[in-house]
């Protein structure tokens, strides 16, 4: 799997997990979803995403 496809997969999965936690566990989990959204927005402007850095260190190909 390529880098950007892995990033989209991870972001979508973590977002769905955080929304499920918000629904079934506690409403405050919504802040985790907000964190994910803010991180995606900032990465659009700064062209830097912490998960991309992690994936590159793990050896995921661009």
PDB file of N, CA and C in Angstrom:
ATOM      1  N   UNK A   1       0.855  -1.176   0.000  1.00  0.00           N
ATOM      2  CA  UNK A   1       0.000   0.000   0.000  1.00  0.00           C
ATOM      3  C   UNK A   1       0.896   1.234   0.000  1.00  0.00           C
ATOM      4  N   UNK A   2       0.516   2.206  -0.780  1.00  0.00           N
ATOM      5  CA  UNK A   2       1.279   3.449  -0.879  1.00  0.00           C
ATOM      6  C   UNK A   2       0.993   4.348   0.323  1.00  0.00           C
ATOM      7  N   UNK A   3       1.850   5.343   0.508  1.00  0.00           N
ATOM      8  CA  UNK A   3       1.822   6.220   1.677  1.00  0.00           C
ATOM      9  C   UNK A   3       0.484   6.940   1.842  1.00  0.00           C
ATOM     10  N   UNK A   4       0.020   7.606   0.806  1.00  0.00           N
ATOM     11  CA  UNK A   4      -1.199   8.406   0.938  1.00  0.00           C
ATOM     12  C   UNK A   4      -2.453   7.539   1.071  1.00  0.00           C
ATOM     13  N   UNK A   5      -2.442   6.372   0.473  1.00  0.00           N
ATOM     14  CA  UNK A   5      -3.567   5.447   0.651  1.00  0.00           C
ATOM     15  C   UNK A   5      -3.599   4.942   2.092  1.00  0.00           C
ATOM     16  N   UNK A   6      -2.428   4.649   2.652  1.00  0.00           N
ATOM     17  CA  UNK A   6      -2.358   4.203   4.050  1.00  0.00           C
ATOM     18  C   UNK A   6      -2.816   5.314   4.984  1.00  0.00           C
ATOM     19  N   UNK A   7      -2.426   6.543   4.679  1.00  0.00           N
ATOM     20  CA  UNK A   7      -2.839   7.683   5.500  1.00  0.00           C
ATOM     21  C   UNK A   7      -4.356   7.836   5.504  1.00  0.00           C
ATOM     22  N   UNK A   8      -4.975   7.751   4.345  1.00  0.00           N
ATOM     23  CA  UNK A   8      -6.437   7.866   4.264  1.00  0.00           C
ATOM     24  C   UNK A   8      -7.124   6.730   5.007  1.00  0.00           C
ATOM     25  N   UNK A   9      -6.586   5.527   4.885  1.00  0.00           N
ATOM     26  CA  UNK A   9      -7.144   4.377   5.591  1.00  0.00           C
ATOM     27  C   UNK A   9      -7.069   4.567   7.105  1.00  0.00           C
ATOM     28  N   UNK A  10      -5.936   5.002   7.591  1.00  0.00           N
ATOM     29  CA  UNK A  10      -5.759   5.211   9.029  1.00  0.00           C
ATOM     30  C   UNK A  10      -6.666   6.334   9.521  1.00  0.00           C
ATOM     31  N   UNK A  11      -6.702   7.451   8.813  1.00  0.00           N
ATOM     32  CA  UNK A  11      -7.534   8.586   9.240  1.00  0.00           C
ATOM     33  C   UNK A  11      -9.010   8.202   9.265  1.00  0.00           C
ATOM     34  N   UNK A  12      -9.484   7.521   8.251  1.00  0.00           N
ATOM     35  CA  UNK A  12     -10.882   7.107   8.216  1.00  0.00           C
ATOM     36  C   UNK A  12     -11.221   6.114   9.301  1.00  0.00           C
ATOM     37  N   UNK A  13     -10.327   5.162   9.535  1.00  0.00           N
ATOM     38  CA  UNK A  13     -10.558   4.155  10.565  1.00  0.00           C
ATOM     39  C   UNK A  13     -10.581   4.768  11.953  1.00  0.00           C
ATOM     40  N   UNK A  14      -9.603   5.616  12.242  1.00  0.00           N
ATOM     41  CA  UNK A  14      -9.543   6.247  13.568  1.00  0.00           C
ATOM     42  C   UNK A  14     -10.741   7.170  13.774  1.00  0.00           C
ATOM     43  N   UNK A  15     -11.166   7.862  12.736  1.00  0.00           N
ATOM     44  CA  UNK A  15     -12.335   8.725  12.861  1.00  0.00           C
ATOM     45  C   UNK A  15     -13.590   7.910  13.157  1.00  0.00           C
ATOM     46  N   UNK A  16     -13.783   6.811  12.454  1.00  0.00           N
ATOM     47  CA  UNK A  16     -14.943   5.957  12.727  1.00  0.00           C
ATOM     48  C   UNK A  16     -14.899   5.365  14.134  1.00  0.00           C
ATOM     49  N   UNK A  17     -13.718   4.974  14.594  1.00  0.00           N
ATOM     50  CA  UNK A  17     -13.580   4.453  15.952  1.00  0.00           C
ATOM     51  C   UNK A  17     -13.929   5.525  16.973  1.00  0.00           C
ATOM     52  N   UNK A  18     -13.455   6.753  16.760  1.00  0.00           N
ATOM     53  CA  UNK A  18     -13.744   7.821  17.717  1.00  0.00           C
ATOM     54  C   UNK A  18     -15.235   8.178  17.721  1.00  0.00           C
ATOM     55  N   UNK A  19     -15.876   8.111  16.566  1.00  0.00           N
ATOM     56  CA  UNK A  19     -17.318   8.376  16.532  1.00  0.00           C
ATOM     57  C   UNK A  19     -18.100   7.258  17.224  1.00  0.00           C
ATOM     58  N   UNK A  20     -17.647   6.014  17.062  1.00  0.00           N
ATOM     59  CA  UNK A  20     -18.291   4.902  17.765  1.00  0.00           C
ATOM     60  C   UNK A  20     -18.114   5.045  19.275  1.00  0.00           C
ATOM     61  N   UNK A  21     -16.927   5.446  19.710  1.00  0.00           N
ATOM     62  CA  UNK A  21     -16.690   5.672  21.139  1.00  0.00           C
ATOM     63  C   UNK A  21     -17.572   6.801  21.666  1.00  0.00           C
ATOM     64  N   UNK A  22     -17.768   7.834  20.847  1.00  0.00           N
ATOM     65  CA  UNK A  22     -18.650   8.934  21.246  1.00  0.00           C
ATOM     66  C   UNK A  22     -20.073   8.433  21.441  1.00  0.00           C
ATOM     67  N   UNK A  23     -20.529   7.590  20.551  1.00  0.00           N
ATOM     68  CA  UNK A  23     -21.909   7.105  20.600  1.00  0.00           C
ATOM     69  C   UNK A  23     -22.130   6.100  21.725  1.00  0.00           C
ATOM     70  N   UNK A  24     -21.214   5.125  21.845  1.00  0.00           N
ATOM     71  CA  UNK A  24     -21.455   4.021  22.769  1.00  0.00           C
ATOM     72  C   UNK A  24     -20.770   4.148  24.130  1.00  0.00           C
ATOM     73  N   UNK A  25     -19.734   4.966  24.244  1.00  0.00           N
ATOM     74  CA  UNK A  25     -18.993   5.017  25.511  1.00  0.00           C
ATOM     75  C   UNK A  25     -19.270   6.307  26.269  1.00  0.00           C
ATOM     76  N   UNK A  26     -18.866   7.451  25.673  1.00  0.00           N
ATOM     77  CA  UNK A  26     -19.050   8.734  26.359  1.00  0.00           C
ATOM     78  C   UNK A  26     -18.999   9.864  25.337  1.00  0.00           C
ATOM     79  N   UNK A  27     -19.868  10.852  25.490  1.00  0.00           N
ATOM     80  CA  UNK A  27     -19.912  11.959  24.520  1.00  0.00           C
ATOM     81  C   UNK A  27     -18.610  12.762  24.409  1.00  0.00           C
ATOM     82  N   UNK A  28     -17.776  12.747  25.427  1.00  0.00           N
ATOM     83  CA  UNK A  28     -16.534  13.511  25.364  1.00  0.00           C
ATOM     84  C   UNK A  28     -15.532  12.967  24.344  1.00  0.00           C
ATOM     85  N   UNK A  29     -15.760  11.758  23.836  1.00  0.00           N
ATOM     86  CA  UNK A  29     -14.895  11.236  22.778  1.00  0.00           C
ATOM     87  C   UNK A  29     -14.998  12.060  21.508  1.00  0.00           C
ATOM     88  N   UNK A  30     -15.991  12.929  21.407  1.00  0.00           N
ATOM     89  CA  UNK A  30     -16.136  13.795  20.230  1.00  0.00           C
ATOM     90  C   UNK A  30     -14.912  14.693  20.066  1.00  0.00           C
ATOM     91  N   UNK A  31     -14.246  14.997  21.186  1.00  0.00           N
ATOM     92  CA  UNK A  31     -13.055  15.840  21.103  1.00  0.00           C
ATOM     93  C   UNK A  31     -11.917  15.141  20.365  1.00  0.00           C
ATOM     94  N   UNK A  32     -11.879  13.822  20.410  1.00  0.00           N
ATOM     95  CA  UNK A  32     -10.894  13.079  19.632  1.00  0.00           C
ATOM     96  C   UNK A  32     -11.198  13.218  18.142  1.00  0.00           C
ATOM     97  N   UNK A  33     -12.468  13.168  17.786  1.00  0.00           N
ATOM     98  CA  UNK A  33     -12.864  13.378  16.386  1.00  0.00           C
ATOM     99  C   UNK A  33     -12.500  14.786  15.930  1.00  0.00           C
ATOM    100  N   UNK A  34     -12.716  15.750  16.796  1.00  0.00           N
ATOM    101  CA  UNK A  34     -12.355  17.139  16.474  1.00  0.00           C
ATOM    102  C   UNK A  34     -10.851  17.259  16.270  1.00  0.00           C
ATOM    103  N   UNK A  35     -10.071  16.601  17.134  1.00  0.00           N
ATOM    104  CA  UNK A  35      -8.617  16.614  16.994  1.00  0.00           C
ATOM    105  C   UNK A  35      -8.196  16.058  15.635  1.00  0.00           C
ATOM    106  N   UNK A  36      -8.797  14.978  15.213  1.00  0.00           N
ATOM    107  CA  UNK A  36      -8.472  14.375  13.922  1.00  0.00           C
ATOM    108  C   UNK A  36      -8.786  15.351  12.790  1.00  0.00           C
ATOM    109  N   UNK A  37      -9.957  15.979  12.850  1.00  0.00           N
ATOM    110  CA  UNK A  37     -10.360  16.929  11.811  1.00  0.00           C
ATOM    111  C   UNK A  37      -9.419  18.131  11.761  1.00  0.00           C
ATOM    112  N   UNK A  38      -9.065  18.666  12.911  1.00  0.00           N
ATOM    113  CA  UNK A  38      -8.158  19.818  12.959  1.00  0.00           C
ATOM    114  C   UNK A  38      -6.787  19.439  12.402  1.00  0.00           C
ATOM    115  N   UNK A  39      -6.324  18.243  12.727  1.00  0.00           N
ATOM    116  CA  UNK A  39      -5.041  17.791  12.209  1.00  0.00           C
ATOM    117  C   UNK A  39      -5.078  17.658  10.688  1.00  0.00           C
ATOM    118  N   UNK A  40      -6.167  17.142  10.143  1.00  0.00           N
ATOM    119  CA  UNK A  40      -6.293  17.032   8.685  1.00  0.00           C
ATOM    120  C   UNK A  40      -6.332  18.409   8.027  1.00  0.00           C
ATOM    121  N   UNK A  41      -7.019  19.343   8.652  1.00  0.00           N
ATOM    122  CA  UNK A  41      -7.094  20.703   8.102  1.00  0.00           C
ATOM    123  C   UNK A  41      -5.728  21.383   8.140  1.00  0.00           C
ATOM    124  N   UNK A  42      -5.016  21.269   9.277  1.00  0.00           N
ATOM    125  CA  UNK A  42      -3.711  21.915   9.353  1.00  0.00           C
ATOM    126  C   UNK A  42      -2.735  21.293   8.364  1.00  0.00           C
ATOM    127  N   UNK A  43      -2.842  19.988   8.129  1.00  0.00           N
ATOM    128  CA  UNK A  43      -1.923  19.350   7.189  1.00  0.00           C
ATOM    129  C   UNK A  43      -2.168  19.823   5.751  1.00  0.00           C
ATOM    130  N   UNK A  44      -3.383  20.238   5.456  1.00  0.00           N
ATOM    131  CA  UNK A  44      -3.673  20.776   4.124  1.00  0.00           C
ATOM    132  C   UNK A  44      -2.952  22.104   3.900  1.00  0.00           C
ATOM    133  N   UNK A  45      -2.793  22.880   4.963  1.00  0.00           N
ATOM    134  CA  UNK A  45      -2.147  24.191   4.838  1.00  0.00           C
ATOM    135  C   UNK A  45      -0.632  24.120   5.027  1.00  0.00           C
ATOM    136  N   UNK A  46      -0.168  23.264   5.932  1.00  0.00           N
ATOM    137  CA  UNK A  46       1.263  23.216   6.232  1.00  0.00           C
ATOM    138  C   UNK A  46       2.004  22.153   5.427  1.00  0.00           C
ATOM    139  N   UNK A  47       1.265  21.245   4.799  1.00  0.00           N
ATOM    140  CA  UNK A  47       1.830  20.122   4.051  1.00  0.00           C
ATOM    141  C   UNK A  47       2.672  19.213   4.938  1.00  0.00           C
ATOM    142  N   UNK A  48       2.351  19.162   6.228  1.00  0.00           N
ATOM    143  CA  UNK A  48       3.023  18.269   7.172  1.00  0.00           C
ATOM    144  C   UNK A  48       1.974  17.546   8.000  1.00  0.00           C
ATOM    145  N   UNK A  49       2.107  16.244   8.072  1.00  0.00           N
ATOM    146  CA  UNK A  49       1.198  15.416   8.851  1.00  0.00           C
ATOM    147  C   UNK A  49       2.030  14.472   9.719  1.00  0.00           C
ATOM    148  N   UNK A  50       1.785  14.449  11.019  1.00  0.00           N
ATOM    149  CA  UNK A  50       2.567  13.570  11.890  1.00  0.00           C
ATOM    150  C   UNK A  50       2.473  12.099  11.480  1.00  0.00           C
ATOM    151  N   UNK A  51       1.313  11.651  11.009  1.00  0.00           N
ATOM    152  CA  UNK A  51       1.160  10.246  10.627  1.00  0.00           C
ATOM    153  C   UNK A  51       2.022   9.901   9.419  1.00  0.00           C
ATOM    154  N   UNK A  52       2.194  10.832   8.498  1.00  0.00           N
ATOM    155  CA  UNK A  52       3.068  10.578   7.350  1.00  0.00           C
ATOM    156  C   UNK A  52       4.500  10.363   7.823  1.00  0.00           C
ATOM    157  N   UNK A  53       4.931  11.163   8.786  1.00  0.00           N
ATOM    158  CA  UNK A  53       6.273  11.001   9.345  1.00  0.00           C
ATOM    159  C   UNK A  53       6.430   9.619   9.968  1.00  0.00           C
ATOM    160  N   UNK A  54       5.425   9.178  10.705  1.00  0.00           N
ATOM    161  CA  UNK A  54       5.460   7.858  11.338  1.00  0.00           C
ATOM    162  C   UNK A  54       5.477   6.754  10.287  1.00  0.00           C
ATOM    163  N   UNK A  55       4.613   6.879   9.276  1.00  0.00           N
ATOM    164  CA  UNK A  55       4.551   5.850   8.232  1.00  0.00           C
ATOM    165  C   UNK A  55       5.866   5.758   7.454  1.00  0.00           C
ATOM    166  N   UNK A  56       6.505   6.907   7.188  1.00  0.00           N
ATOM    167  CA  UNK A  56       7.793   6.878   6.490  1.00  0.00           C
ATOM    168  C   UNK A  56       8.836   6.162   7.328  1.00  0.00           C
ATOM    169  N   UNK A  57       8.845   6.409   8.643  1.00  0.00           N
ATOM    170  CA  UNK A  57       9.803   5.740   9.516  1.00  0.00           C
ATOM    171  C   UNK A  57       9.543   4.238   9.591  1.00  0.00           C
ATOM    172  N   UNK A  58       8.287   3.836   9.381  1.00  0.00           N
ATOM    173  CA  UNK A  58       7.952   2.417   9.365  1.00  0.00           C
ATOM    174  C   UNK A  58       8.258   1.756   8.025  1.00  0.00           C
ATOM    175  N   UNK A  59       8.662   2.583   7.050  1.00  0.00           N
ATOM    176  CA  UNK A  59       9.085   2.028   5.772  1.00  0.00           C
ATOM    177  C   UNK A  59       8.017   1.960   4.701  1.00  0.00           C
ATOM    178  N   UNK A  60       6.911   2.660   4.873  1.00  0.00           N
ATOM    179  CA  UNK A  60       5.856   2.662   3.854  1.00  0.00           C
ATOM    180  C   UNK A  60       6.351   3.471   2.645  1.00  0.00           C
ATOM    181  N   UNK A  61       6.201   2.905   1.466  1.00  0.00           N
ATOM    182  CA  UNK A  61       6.680   3.526   0.233  1.00  0.00           C
ATOM    183  C   UNK A  61       5.764   4.663  -0.217  1.00  0.00           C
ATOM    184  N   UNK A  62       6.367   5.687  -0.797  1.00  0.00           N
ATOM    185  CA  UNK A  62       5.558   6.767  -1.369  1.00  0.00           C
ATOM    186  C   UNK A  62       5.084   6.325  -2.684  1.00  0.00           C
TER     187      UNK A  62
END
